Amino acid sequence: MSVPLRVLIIEDSLDDTLLALRELHRSNFDPSYKRVEDAAALNSALAENIWDLIISDYVLPKFSGLDALAIVRERKLDIPFIMISGKVGEEVVAAAMKLGAADFVLKDCIHKLSTVVERELLEAENRRQSRLAGRRLQESEEKFRSLAESSPNMIFINCKGKIVYVNNISEE
């Protein structure tokens, strides 16, 4: 069974788009996608849909993959952003990764795209689960504090012989 995947592709070449999609299909993904070529279309696509993955060419005629990455980061979106390009040097790859790209795949090695996508989707899901657990823990702590602080009885928590919490009790 194929895995549905909403992919935003920032690419000026339809052929390169189709190559990336073919590679995703080979790895059992069922991508639905939108291809954009400039900043305005990127902003519109980000506003109108929720994406699982962004694949961006590094060099585009109207703007760059780094410009696209900056737009995504400005919106504080936690979407795996994979940059694809032809021949580039290590310094370009390092700069893209430092700015927040999840990974960089060379077009000659497009067969590696699926492995990168699988890893990045798993890491994104782990980040989402971690944020959810953090929110739930914070909510639980807030409920505990509310309950403990409103209790007329003393409540304390002893952790390995050390008192780590004592509620405030008011004398009435």
Protein backbone atom coordinates (compact mmCIF):
# COMPACT_ATOMS: atom_id res chain seq x y z
CA MET A 1 0.00 0.00 0.00
CA SER A 2 1.43 3.38 -0.96
CA VAL A 3 1.89 6.21 1.50
CA PRO A 4 0.09 9.46 0.64
CA LEU A 5 2.44 12.44 0.58
CA ARG A 6 1.64 16.13 -0.02
CA VAL A 7 4.70 17.58 -1.75
CA LEU A 8 5.39 21.19 -2.63
CA ILE A 9 7.98 21.26 -5.40
CA ILE A 10 9.92 24.45 -6.08
CA GLU A 11 11.31 23.79 -9.53
CA ASP A 12 11.37 25.51 -12.91
CA SER A 13 11.84 22.27 -14.90
CA LEU A 14 8.85 20.00 -15.43
CA ASP A 15 11.24 17.16 -16.39
CA ASP A 16 13.13 17.44 -13.08
CA THR A 17 9.81 17.55 -11.23
CA LEU A 18 8.70 14.36 -12.94
CA LEU A 19 12.02 12.66 -12.11
CA ALA A 20 11.60 13.45 -8.42
CA LEU A 21 7.98 12.25 -8.47
CA ARG A 22 8.97 9.04 -10.27
CA GLU A 23 11.55 8.34 -7.57
CA LEU A 24 8.95 8.89 -4.85
CA HIS A 25 6.53 6.53 -6.63
CA ARG A 26 9.26 3.88 -6.81
CA SER A 27 9.57 4.02 -3.03
CA ASN A 28 5.90 3.41 -2.41
CA PHE A 29 4.86 7.02 -1.91
CA ASP A 30 1.70 8.35 -3.52
CA PRO A 31 2.59 12.01 -3.93
CA SER A 32 0.04 14.71 -4.61
CA TYR A 33 2.01 17.80 -5.51
CA LYS A 34 2.08 21.39 -6.58
CA ARG A 35 4.96 22.89 -8.52
CA VAL A 36 5.86 26.55 -8.03
CA GLU A 37 8.61 28.65 -9.58
CA ASP A 38 8.72 31.95 -7.69
CA ALA A 39 8.30 33.55 -4.27
CA ALA A 40 4.71 34.71 -4.85
CA ALA A 41 3.57 31.24 -5.89
CA LEU A 42 5.46 29.71 -2.96
CA ASN A 43 3.79 32.03 -0.46
CA SER A 44 0.40 31.28 -2.00
CA ALA A 45 0.97 27.51 -1.88
CA LEU A 46 2.11 27.68 1.75
CA ALA A 47 -1.00 29.67 2.67
CA GLU A 48 -3.48 27.45 0.88
CA ASN A 49 -2.34 23.96 1.88
CA ILE A 50 -0.53 21.91 4.51
CA TRP A 51 2.50 20.16 3.07
CA ASP A 52 4.32 17.06 4.29
CA LEU A 53 7.48 17.81 2.33
CA ILE A 54 9.13 20.55 0.30
CA ILE A 55 11.57 19.74 -2.48
CA SER A 56 13.38 22.71 -3.95
CA ASP A 57 15.84 23.20 -6.76
CA TYR A 58 18.86 25.21 -5.63
CA VAL A 59 19.03 27.40 -8.75
CA LEU A 60 15.85 28.95 -10.14
CA PRO A 61 15.49 31.75 -12.69
CA LYS A 62 13.33 34.02 -10.50
CA PHE A 63 14.76 33.26 -7.07
CA SER A 64 16.95 30.68 -5.34
CA GLY A 65 16.38 27.62 -3.23
CA LEU A 66 17.93 29.55 -0.33
CA ASP A 67 15.33 32.30 -0.84
CA ALA A 68 12.62 29.65 -0.76
CA LEU A 69 14.09 28.16 2.41
CA ALA A 70 14.11 31.61 4.04
CA ILE A 71 10.41 32.06 3.24
CA VAL A 72 9.55 28.70 4.81
CA ARG A 73 11.66 29.43 7.91
CA GLU A 74 10.12 32.92 8.31
CA ARG A 75 6.73 31.22 8.58
CA LYS A 76 8.19 28.92 11.28
CA LEU A 77 6.94 25.83 9.45
CA ASP A 78 8.36 22.49 10.50
CA ILE A 79 8.29 20.87 7.07
CA PRO A 80 11.23 18.83 5.81
CA PHE A 81 12.90 20.97 3.15
CA ILE A 82 15.07 18.98 0.77
CA MET A 83 17.19 20.84 -1.73
CA ILE A 84 18.07 19.29 -5.07
CA SER A 85 20.62 20.57 -7.53
CA GLY A 86 23.05 19.66 -10.24
CA LYS A 87 26.69 20.05 -9.52
CA VAL A 88 27.44 22.16 -6.46
CA GLY A 89 30.32 22.30 -4.05
CA GLU A 90 30.44 21.19 -0.45
CA GLU A 91 30.34 24.82 0.72
CA VAL A 92 26.94 25.31 -0.97
CA VAL A 93 25.57 22.15 0.63
CA ALA A 94 26.94 23.20 4.04
CA ALA A 95 25.42 26.68 3.70
CA ALA A 96 22.01 25.24 2.80
CA MET A 97 22.09 22.83 5.73
CA LYS A 98 23.22 25.58 8.10
CA LEU A 99 20.25 27.71 6.99
CA GLY A 100 17.84 24.89 7.76
CA ALA A 101 17.61 22.57 4.77
CA ALA A 102 16.96 19.04 5.98
CA ASP A 103 19.19 17.57 3.29
CA PHE A 104 20.69 18.15 -0.14
CA VAL A 105 20.42 15.64 -2.99
CA LEU A 106 22.35 15.92 -6.23
CA LYS A 107 20.30 15.39 -9.39
CA ASP A 108 22.78 12.71 -10.55
CA CYS A 109 21.93 10.82 -7.33
CA ILE A 110 18.16 11.25 -7.46
CA HIS A 111 17.85 7.59 -6.43
CA LYS A 112 18.85 8.74 -2.92
CA LEU A 113 15.81 11.03 -2.67
CA SER A 114 13.47 8.38 -1.28
CA THR A 115 15.84 7.39 1.51
CA VAL A 116 16.27 11.05 2.45
CA VAL A 117 12.50 11.63 2.34
CA GLU A 118 11.76 8.60 4.54
CA ARG A 119 14.33 9.72 7.11
CA GLU A 120 13.18 13.33 7.15
CA LEU A 121 9.49 12.42 7.44
CA LEU A 122 10.32 10.18 10.40
CA GLU A 123 12.36 12.94 12.05
CA ALA A 124 9.54 15.47 11.46
CA GLU A 125 7.05 13.07 13.05
CA ASN A 126 9.39 12.59 16.02
CA ARG A 127 9.60 16.39 16.46
CA ARG A 128 5.80 16.67 16.32
CA GLN A 129 5.41 13.89 18.89
CA SER A 130 8.00 15.53 21.14
CA ARG A 131 6.21 18.90 20.96
CA LEU A 132 2.89 17.19 21.69
CA ALA A 133 4.37 15.37 24.69
CA GLY A 134 5.86 18.66 25.93
CA ARG A 135 2.48 20.41 25.66
CA ARG A 136 0.74 17.54 27.45
CA LEU A 137 3.34 17.57 30.21
CA GLN A 138 2.94 21.33 30.64
CA GLU A 139 -0.85 20.97 30.80
CA SER A 140 -0.51 18.19 33.38
CA GLU A 141 1.88 20.28 35.48
CA GLU A 142 -0.49 23.26 35.33
CA LYS A 143 -3.42 21.06 36.48
CA PHE A 144 -1.32 19.64 39.31
CA ARG A 145 -0.20 23.08 40.47
CA SER A 146 -3.75 24.41 40.33
CA LEU A 147 -5.01 21.49 42.38
CA ALA A 148 -2.11 21.56 44.84
CA GLU A 149 -2.20 25.33 45.35
CA SER A 150 -5.95 25.29 46.03
CA SER A 151 -5.70 22.49 48.59
CA PRO A 152 -6.06 23.47 52.25
CA ASN A 153 -3.67 20.63 53.14
CA MET A 154 0.07 20.56 52.84
CA ILE A 155 1.26 18.70 49.78
CA PHE A 156 4.90 17.95 49.18
CA ILE A 157 6.87 15.81 46.80
CA ASN A 158 9.85 13.87 48.06
CA CYS A 159 12.22 12.64 45.40
CA LYS A 160 15.00 10.37 46.68
CA GLY A 161 15.05 12.01 50.08
CA LYS A 162 14.92 15.56 48.75
CA ILE A 163 11.80 17.69 48.93
CA VAL A 164 11.28 19.07 45.43
CA TYR A 165 7.85 20.66 45.83
CA VAL A 166 5.77 22.13 48.64
CA ASN A 167 2.47 23.83 47.99
CA ASN A 168 1.57 27.17 49.53
CA ILE A 169 -1.02 26.79 52.22
CA SER A 170 -2.70 29.82 53.56
CA GLU A 171 -3.65 30.20 57.16
CA GLU A 172 -7.21 31.32 57.53
